[in-house]
Amino acid sequence: LYVVAFLIVGSLFTSNLFIGFIVDGFNANKGSTKEEMLYNRFARQVGLVRPKRFTFKEPQNIVSMKCRQLLNYSMFQAFSTICVLVNMIFMLSAYKGAPKEYVEMLDLQNLVFFLILAFEVLLTVA
């Protein structure tokens, strides 16, 4: 008698679980086109594999602390972003057949922005 009751309750539970998953799947995709379903699946997968943020431990010496404070300062970050954008604009302004002075000016500004970027990288490493 116990085995029969166990089989009936177990089969009802299993079938209820199976039907619940099927109905839930239909309700989740109700009114969706094939493209929307593919996009939603893709968005879920992208959310699962997004990069993890690593946090760096706090520096112990005073030089590293000051470098970290400078790098996290909003004005320094804005200055760095503006330097990159200005350098990009200058690099886009190069053209074939430009005068020699113009090419030298582009090379000089490129060197200046490279040194600024190298300084920022050194601060990051310190």
Foldseek 3Di string as FASTA:
>chain_A
DVVVVCVVVVVVVVVVVVVVVVVVVCVVCPPHDPVRVVVVVVVVVCVVPPDDDDDDDADDDPLLNVLVVQVPDVVNVVVLVVLVVVLVVLVVPDDPPDDPVSVVVNVVSVVVSVVVVVVNVVSVVD
